């Protein structure tokens, strides 16, 4: 993807905050999954962790493409 105009500082702060939230949620769901004994609940937690990991990766790629 071609670099477009730089990200404004207020938007950059929002993206960085979201990166932190996504990283935290991924960590929390992964930890929760490792402690679950019920296989269905373990899968729900694993899937949720994967969604947050993907969200983090997409936000990071977006941020990297604008630097």
PDB file of N, CA and C in Angstrom:
ATOM      1  N   UNK A   1       0.842  -1.170   0.000  1.00  0.00           N
ATOM      2  CA  UNK A   1       0.000   0.000   0.000  1.00  0.00           C
ATOM      3  C   UNK A   1       0.890   1.237   0.000  1.00  0.00           C
ATOM      4  N   UNK A   2       0.468   2.231  -0.763  1.00  0.00           N
ATOM      5  CA  UNK A   2       1.217   3.454  -0.864  1.00  0.00           C
ATOM      6  C   UNK A   2       1.006   4.304   0.375  1.00  0.00           C
ATOM      7  N   UNK A   3       2.044   4.977   0.830  1.00  0.00           N
ATOM      8  CA  UNK A   3       1.898   5.861   1.984  1.00  0.00           C
ATOM      9  C   UNK A   3       1.015   7.037   1.612  1.00  0.00           C
ATOM     10  N   UNK A   4       0.039   7.324   2.443  1.00  0.00           N
ATOM     11  CA  UNK A   4      -0.795   8.492   2.244  1.00  0.00           C
ATOM     12  C   UNK A   4      -0.330   9.563   3.207  1.00  0.00           C
ATOM     13  N   UNK A   5      -1.157  10.590   3.380  1.00  0.00           N
ATOM     14  CA  UNK A   5      -0.724  11.674   4.266  1.00  0.00           C
ATOM     15  C   UNK A   5      -0.515  11.155   5.685  1.00  0.00           C
ATOM     16  N   UNK A   6       0.357  11.813   6.433  1.00  0.00           N
ATOM     17  CA  UNK A   6       0.652  11.367   7.800  1.00  0.00           C
ATOM     18  C   UNK A   6      -0.599  11.359   8.681  1.00  0.00           C
ATOM     19  N   UNK A   7      -0.586  10.506   9.667  1.00  0.00           N
ATOM     20  CA  UNK A   7      -1.692  10.411  10.614  1.00  0.00           C
ATOM     21  C   UNK A   7      -1.608  11.605  11.567  1.00  0.00           C
ATOM     22  N   UNK A   8      -2.737  12.270  11.778  1.00  0.00           N
ATOM     23  CA  UNK A   8      -2.773  13.405  12.702  1.00  0.00           C
ATOM     24  C   UNK A   8      -2.510  12.912  14.118  1.00  0.00           C
ATOM     25  N   UNK A   9      -1.949  13.778  14.951  1.00  0.00           N
ATOM     26  CA  UNK A   9      -1.513  13.366  16.288  1.00  0.00           C
ATOM     27  C   UNK A   9      -2.656  12.841  17.150  1.00  0.00           C
ATOM     28  N   UNK A  10      -3.839  13.446  17.048  1.00  0.00           N
ATOM     29  CA  UNK A  10      -4.959  12.943  17.859  1.00  0.00           C
ATOM     30  C   UNK A  10      -5.390  11.547  17.402  1.00  0.00           C
ATOM     31  N   UNK A  11      -5.341  11.286  16.107  1.00  0.00           N
ATOM     32  CA  UNK A  11      -5.669   9.953  15.591  1.00  0.00           C
ATOM     33  C   UNK A  11      -4.580   8.945  15.929  1.00  0.00           C
ATOM     34  N   UNK A  12      -3.350   9.393  15.927  1.00  0.00           N
ATOM     35  CA  UNK A  12      -2.229   8.524  16.276  1.00  0.00           C
ATOM     36  C   UNK A  12      -2.364   8.044  17.723  1.00  0.00           C
ATOM     37  N   UNK A  13      -2.762   8.951  18.608  1.00  0.00           N
ATOM     38  CA  UNK A  13      -2.954   8.578  20.007  1.00  0.00           C
ATOM     39  C   UNK A  13      -4.060   7.543  20.148  1.00  0.00           C
ATOM     40  N   UNK A  14      -5.137   7.703  19.412  1.00  0.00           N
ATOM     41  CA  UNK A  14      -6.246   6.745  19.467  1.00  0.00           C
ATOM     42  C   UNK A  14      -5.781   5.372  18.980  1.00  0.00           C
ATOM     43  N   UNK A  15      -5.030   5.348  17.899  1.00  0.00           N
ATOM     44  CA  UNK A  15      -4.538   4.077  17.351  1.00  0.00           C
ATOM     45  C   UNK A  15      -3.586   3.407  18.342  1.00  0.00           C
ATOM     46  N   UNK A  16      -2.705   4.182  18.947  1.00  0.00           N
ATOM     47  CA  UNK A  16      -1.767   3.608  19.926  1.00  0.00           C
ATOM     48  C   UNK A  16      -2.516   3.076  21.146  1.00  0.00           C
ATOM     49  N   UNK A  17      -3.549   3.798  21.584  1.00  0.00           N
ATOM     50  CA  UNK A  17      -4.371   3.310  22.696  1.00  0.00           C
ATOM     51  C   UNK A  17      -5.046   1.995  22.320  1.00  0.00           C
ATOM     52  N   UNK A  18      -5.596   1.934  21.111  1.00  0.00           N
ATOM     53  CA  UNK A  18      -6.266   0.717  20.652  1.00  0.00           C
ATOM     54  C   UNK A  18      -5.290  -0.450  20.573  1.00  0.00           C
ATOM     55  N   UNK A  19      -4.061  -0.194  20.128  1.00  0.00           N
ATOM     56  CA  UNK A  19      -3.044  -1.248  20.091  1.00  0.00           C
ATOM     57  C   UNK A  19      -2.823  -1.821  21.487  1.00  0.00           C
ATOM     58  N   UNK A  20      -2.755  -0.937  22.472  1.00  0.00           N
ATOM     59  CA  UNK A  20      -2.583  -1.384  23.852  1.00  0.00           C
ATOM     60  C   UNK A  20      -3.765  -2.208  24.337  1.00  0.00           C
ATOM     61  N   UNK A  21      -4.980  -1.763  24.007  1.00  0.00           N
ATOM     62  CA  UNK A  21      -6.177  -2.501  24.419  1.00  0.00           C
ATOM     63  C   UNK A  21      -6.232  -3.877  23.763  1.00  0.00           C
ATOM     64  N   UNK A  22      -5.923  -3.924  22.480  1.00  0.00           N
ATOM     65  CA  UNK A  22      -5.960  -5.208  21.768  1.00  0.00           C
ATOM     66  C   UNK A  22      -4.906  -6.165  22.324  1.00  0.00           C
ATOM     67  N   UNK A  23      -3.718  -5.658  22.619  1.00  0.00           N
ATOM     68  CA  UNK A  23      -2.663  -6.502  23.191  1.00  0.00           C
ATOM     69  C   UNK A  23      -3.090  -7.039  24.549  1.00  0.00           C
ATOM     70  N   UNK A  24      -3.687  -6.175  25.367  1.00  0.00           N
ATOM     71  CA  UNK A  24      -4.139  -6.589  26.686  1.00  0.00           C
ATOM     72  C   UNK A  24      -5.228  -7.651  26.586  1.00  0.00           C
ATOM     73  N   UNK A  25      -6.199  -7.437  25.717  1.00  0.00           N
ATOM     74  CA  UNK A  25      -7.295  -8.397  25.576  1.00  0.00           C
ATOM     75  C   UNK A  25      -6.787  -9.737  25.046  1.00  0.00           C
ATOM     76  N   UNK A  26      -5.852  -9.708  24.119  1.00  0.00           N
ATOM     77  CA  UNK A  26      -5.263 -10.949  23.612  1.00  0.00           C
ATOM     78  C   UNK A  26      -4.595 -11.700  24.759  1.00  0.00           C
ATOM     79  N   UNK A  27      -3.823 -10.986  25.564  1.00  0.00           N
ATOM     80  CA  UNK A  27      -3.130 -11.601  26.692  1.00  0.00           C
ATOM     81  C   UNK A  27      -4.130 -12.178  27.689  1.00  0.00           C
ATOM     82  N   UNK A  28      -5.174 -11.418  28.011  1.00  0.00           N
ATOM     83  CA  UNK A  28      -6.172 -11.864  28.995  1.00  0.00           C
ATOM     84  C   UNK A  28      -6.903 -13.121  28.514  1.00  0.00           C
ATOM     85  N   UNK A  29      -7.347 -13.118  27.255  1.00  0.00           N
ATOM     86  CA  UNK A  29      -8.067 -14.281  26.731  1.00  0.00           C
ATOM     87  C   UNK A  29      -7.156 -15.497  26.611  1.00  0.00           C
ATOM     88  N   UNK A  30      -5.907 -15.283  26.261  1.00  0.00           N
ATOM     89  CA  UNK A  30      -4.962 -16.397  26.172  1.00  0.00           C
ATOM     90  C   UNK A  30      -4.728 -16.997  27.557  1.00  0.00           C
ATOM     91  N   UNK A  31      -4.576 -16.133  28.542  1.00  0.00           N
ATOM     92  CA  UNK A  31      -4.398 -16.594  29.924  1.00  0.00           C
ATOM     93  C   UNK A  31      -5.642 -17.342  30.405  1.00  0.00           C
ATOM     94  N   UNK A  32      -6.801 -16.786  30.115  1.00  0.00           N
ATOM     95  CA  UNK A  32      -8.066 -17.413  30.509  1.00  0.00           C
ATOM     96  C   UNK A  32      -8.201 -18.792  29.848  1.00  0.00           C
ATOM     97  N   UNK A  33      -7.858 -18.866  28.591  1.00  0.00           N
ATOM     98  CA  UNK A  33      -7.943 -20.125  27.857  1.00  0.00           C
ATOM     99  C   UNK A  33      -7.045 -21.187  28.474  1.00  0.00           C
ATOM    100  N   UNK A  34      -5.863 -20.781  28.911  1.00  0.00           N
ATOM    101  CA  UNK A  34      -4.927 -21.752  29.483  1.00  0.00           C
ATOM    102  C   UNK A  34      -5.405 -22.284  30.831  1.00  0.00           C
ATOM    103  N   UNK A  35      -6.305 -21.554  31.480  1.00  0.00           N
ATOM    104  CA  UNK A  35      -6.811 -21.975  32.780  1.00  0.00           C
ATOM    105  C   UNK A  35      -8.145 -22.712  32.706  1.00  0.00           C
ATOM    106  N   UNK A  36      -8.777 -22.702  31.540  1.00  0.00           N
ATOM    107  CA  UNK A  36     -10.094 -23.343  31.396  1.00  0.00           C
ATOM    108  C   UNK A  36      -9.970 -24.866  31.370  1.00  0.00           C
ATOM    109  N   UNK A  37     -10.892 -25.521  32.020  1.00  0.00           N
ATOM    110  CA  UNK A  37     -10.959 -26.982  31.953  1.00  0.00           C
ATOM    111  C   UNK A  37     -12.082 -27.425  31.028  1.00  0.00           C
ATOM    112  N   UNK A  38     -13.094 -26.587  30.851  1.00  0.00           N
ATOM    113  CA  UNK A  38     -14.196 -26.870  29.936  1.00  0.00           C
ATOM    114  C   UNK A  38     -13.736 -26.572  28.511  1.00  0.00           C
ATOM    115  N   UNK A  39     -13.789 -27.583  27.636  1.00  0.00           N
ATOM    116  CA  UNK A  39     -13.263 -27.435  26.275  1.00  0.00           C
ATOM    117  C   UNK A  39     -14.010 -26.382  25.458  1.00  0.00           C
ATOM    118  N   UNK A  40     -15.309 -26.273  25.645  1.00  0.00           N
ATOM    119  CA  UNK A  40     -16.077 -25.268  24.892  1.00  0.00           C
ATOM    120  C   UNK A  40     -15.687 -23.860  25.317  1.00  0.00           C
ATOM    121  N   UNK A  41     -15.560 -23.653  26.611  1.00  0.00           N
ATOM    122  CA  UNK A  41     -15.162 -22.343  27.109  1.00  0.00           C
ATOM    123  C   UNK A  41     -13.724 -22.026  26.708  1.00  0.00           C
ATOM    124  N   UNK A  42     -12.872 -23.033  26.716  1.00  0.00           N
ATOM    125  CA  UNK A  42     -11.481 -22.863  26.290  1.00  0.00           C
ATOM    126  C   UNK A  42     -11.433 -22.398  24.830  1.00  0.00           C
ATOM    127  N   UNK A  43     -12.276 -22.999  23.985  1.00  0.00           N
ATOM    128  CA  UNK A  43     -12.319 -22.620  22.571  1.00  0.00           C
ATOM    129  C   UNK A  43     -12.828 -21.189  22.402  1.00  0.00           C
ATOM    130  N   UNK A  44     -13.843 -20.806  23.175  1.00  0.00           N
ATOM    131  CA  UNK A  44     -14.363 -19.437  23.105  1.00  0.00           C
ATOM    132  C   UNK A  44     -13.250 -18.442  23.454  1.00  0.00           C
ATOM    133  N   UNK A  45     -12.520 -18.728  24.515  1.00  0.00           N
ATOM    134  CA  UNK A  45     -11.432 -17.843  24.942  1.00  0.00           C
ATOM    135  C   UNK A  45     -10.304 -17.815  23.910  1.00  0.00           C
ATOM    136  N   UNK A  46      -9.966 -18.953  23.370  1.00  0.00           N
ATOM    137  CA  UNK A  46      -8.918 -19.022  22.345  1.00  0.00           C
ATOM    138  C   UNK A  46      -9.325 -18.233  21.111  1.00  0.00           C
ATOM    139  N   UNK A  47     -10.557 -18.435  20.667  1.00  0.00           N
ATOM    140  CA  UNK A  47     -11.048 -17.711  19.490  1.00  0.00           C
ATOM    141  C   UNK A  47     -11.054 -16.203  19.730  1.00  0.00           C
ATOM    142  N   UNK A  48     -11.506 -15.782  20.914  1.00  0.00           N
ATOM    143  CA  UNK A  48     -11.524 -14.355  21.245  1.00  0.00           C
ATOM    144  C   UNK A  48     -10.103 -13.792  21.263  1.00  0.00           C
ATOM    145  N   UNK A  49      -9.170 -14.536  21.831  1.00  0.00           N
ATOM    146  CA  UNK A  49      -7.770 -14.104  21.838  1.00  0.00           C
ATOM    147  C   UNK A  49      -7.226 -13.945  20.429  1.00  0.00           C
ATOM    148  N   UNK A  50      -7.598 -14.870  19.547  1.00  0.00           N
ATOM    149  CA  UNK A  50      -7.148 -14.796  18.154  1.00  0.00           C
ATOM    150  C   UNK A  50      -7.730 -13.589  17.434  1.00  0.00           C
ATOM    151  N   UNK A  51      -8.973 -13.244  17.728  1.00  0.00           N
ATOM    152  CA  UNK A  51      -9.593 -12.058  17.127  1.00  0.00           C
ATOM    153  C   UNK A  51      -8.827 -10.803  17.549  1.00  0.00           C
ATOM    154  N   UNK A  52      -8.510 -10.710  18.819  1.00  0.00           N
ATOM    155  CA  UNK A  52      -7.775  -9.535  19.305  1.00  0.00           C
ATOM    156  C   UNK A  52      -6.350  -9.499  18.761  1.00  0.00           C
ATOM    157  N   UNK A  53      -5.747 -10.662  18.588  1.00  0.00           N
ATOM    158  CA  UNK A  53      -4.407 -10.726  17.989  1.00  0.00           C
ATOM    159  C   UNK A  53      -4.450 -10.233  16.538  1.00  0.00           C
ATOM    160  N   UNK A  54      -5.483 -10.638  15.813  1.00  0.00           N
ATOM    161  CA  UNK A  54      -5.648 -10.200  14.426  1.00  0.00           C
ATOM    162  C   UNK A  54      -5.901  -8.693  14.368  1.00  0.00           C
ATOM    163  N   UNK A  55      -6.754  -8.199  15.263  1.00  0.00           N
ATOM    164  CA  UNK A  55      -7.019  -6.753  15.316  1.00  0.00           C
ATOM    165  C   UNK A  55      -5.728  -5.978  15.568  1.00  0.00           C
ATOM    166  N   UNK A  56      -4.909  -6.477  16.506  1.00  0.00           N
ATOM    167  CA  UNK A  56      -3.628  -5.843  16.811  1.00  0.00           C
ATOM    168  C   UNK A  56      -2.744  -5.810  15.562  1.00  0.00           C
ATOM    169  N   UNK A  57      -2.666  -6.941  14.883  1.00  0.00           N
ATOM    170  CA  UNK A  57      -1.814  -7.034  13.688  1.00  0.00           C
ATOM    171  C   UNK A  57      -2.264  -6.074  12.593  1.00  0.00           C
ATOM    172  N   UNK A  58      -3.570  -5.966  12.403  1.00  0.00           N
ATOM    173  CA  UNK A  58      -4.091  -5.064  11.370  1.00  0.00           C
ATOM    174  C   UNK A  58      -3.840  -3.604  11.727  1.00  0.00           C
ATOM    175  N   UNK A  59      -4.042  -3.250  12.982  1.00  0.00           N
ATOM    176  CA  UNK A  59      -3.759  -1.879  13.410  1.00  0.00           C
ATOM    177  C   UNK A  59      -2.273  -1.560  13.270  1.00  0.00           C
ATOM    178  N   UNK A  60      -1.424  -2.499  13.657  1.00  0.00           N
ATOM    179  CA  UNK A  60       0.030  -2.297  13.555  1.00  0.00           C
ATOM    180  C   UNK A  60       0.452  -2.133  12.099  1.00  0.00           C
ATOM    181  N   UNK A  61      -0.119  -2.941  11.212  1.00  0.00           N
ATOM    182  CA  UNK A  61       0.199  -2.819   9.783  1.00  0.00           C
ATOM    183  C   UNK A  61      -0.235  -1.458   9.240  1.00  0.00           C
ATOM    184  N   UNK A  62      -1.421  -1.017   9.658  1.00  0.00           N
ATOM    185  CA  UNK A  62      -1.915   0.295   9.234  1.00  0.00           C
ATOM    186  C   UNK A  62      -0.967   1.395   9.710  1.00  0.00           C
ATOM    187  N   UNK A  63      -0.587   1.303  10.968  1.00  0.00           N
ATOM    188  CA  UNK A  63       0.317   2.302  11.539  1.00  0.00           C
ATOM    189  C   UNK A  63       1.659   2.282  10.815  1.00  0.00           C
ATOM    190  N   UNK A  64       2.200   1.101  10.598  1.00  0.00           N
ATOM    191  CA  UNK A  64       3.497   0.979   9.910  1.00  0.00           C
ATOM    192  C   UNK A  64       3.445   1.520   8.479  1.00  0.00           C
ATOM    193  N   UNK A  65       2.300   1.394   7.832  1.00  0.00           N
ATOM    194  CA  UNK A  65       2.189   1.846   6.439  1.00  0.00           C
ATOM    195  C   UNK A  65       2.154   3.372   6.332  1.00  0.00           C
ATOM    196  N   UNK A  66       1.974   4.048   7.445  1.00  0.00           N
ATOM    197  CA  UNK A  66       1.905   5.511   7.437  1.00  0.00           C
ATOM    198  C   UNK A  66       3.146   6.163   8.046  1.00  0.00           C
ATOM    199  N   UNK A  67       4.211   5.403   8.173  1.00  0.00           N
ATOM    200  CA  UNK A  67       5.438   5.983   8.736  1.00  0.00           C
ATOM    201  C   UNK A  67       6.494   6.115   7.679  1.00  0.00           C
TER     202      UNK A  67
END
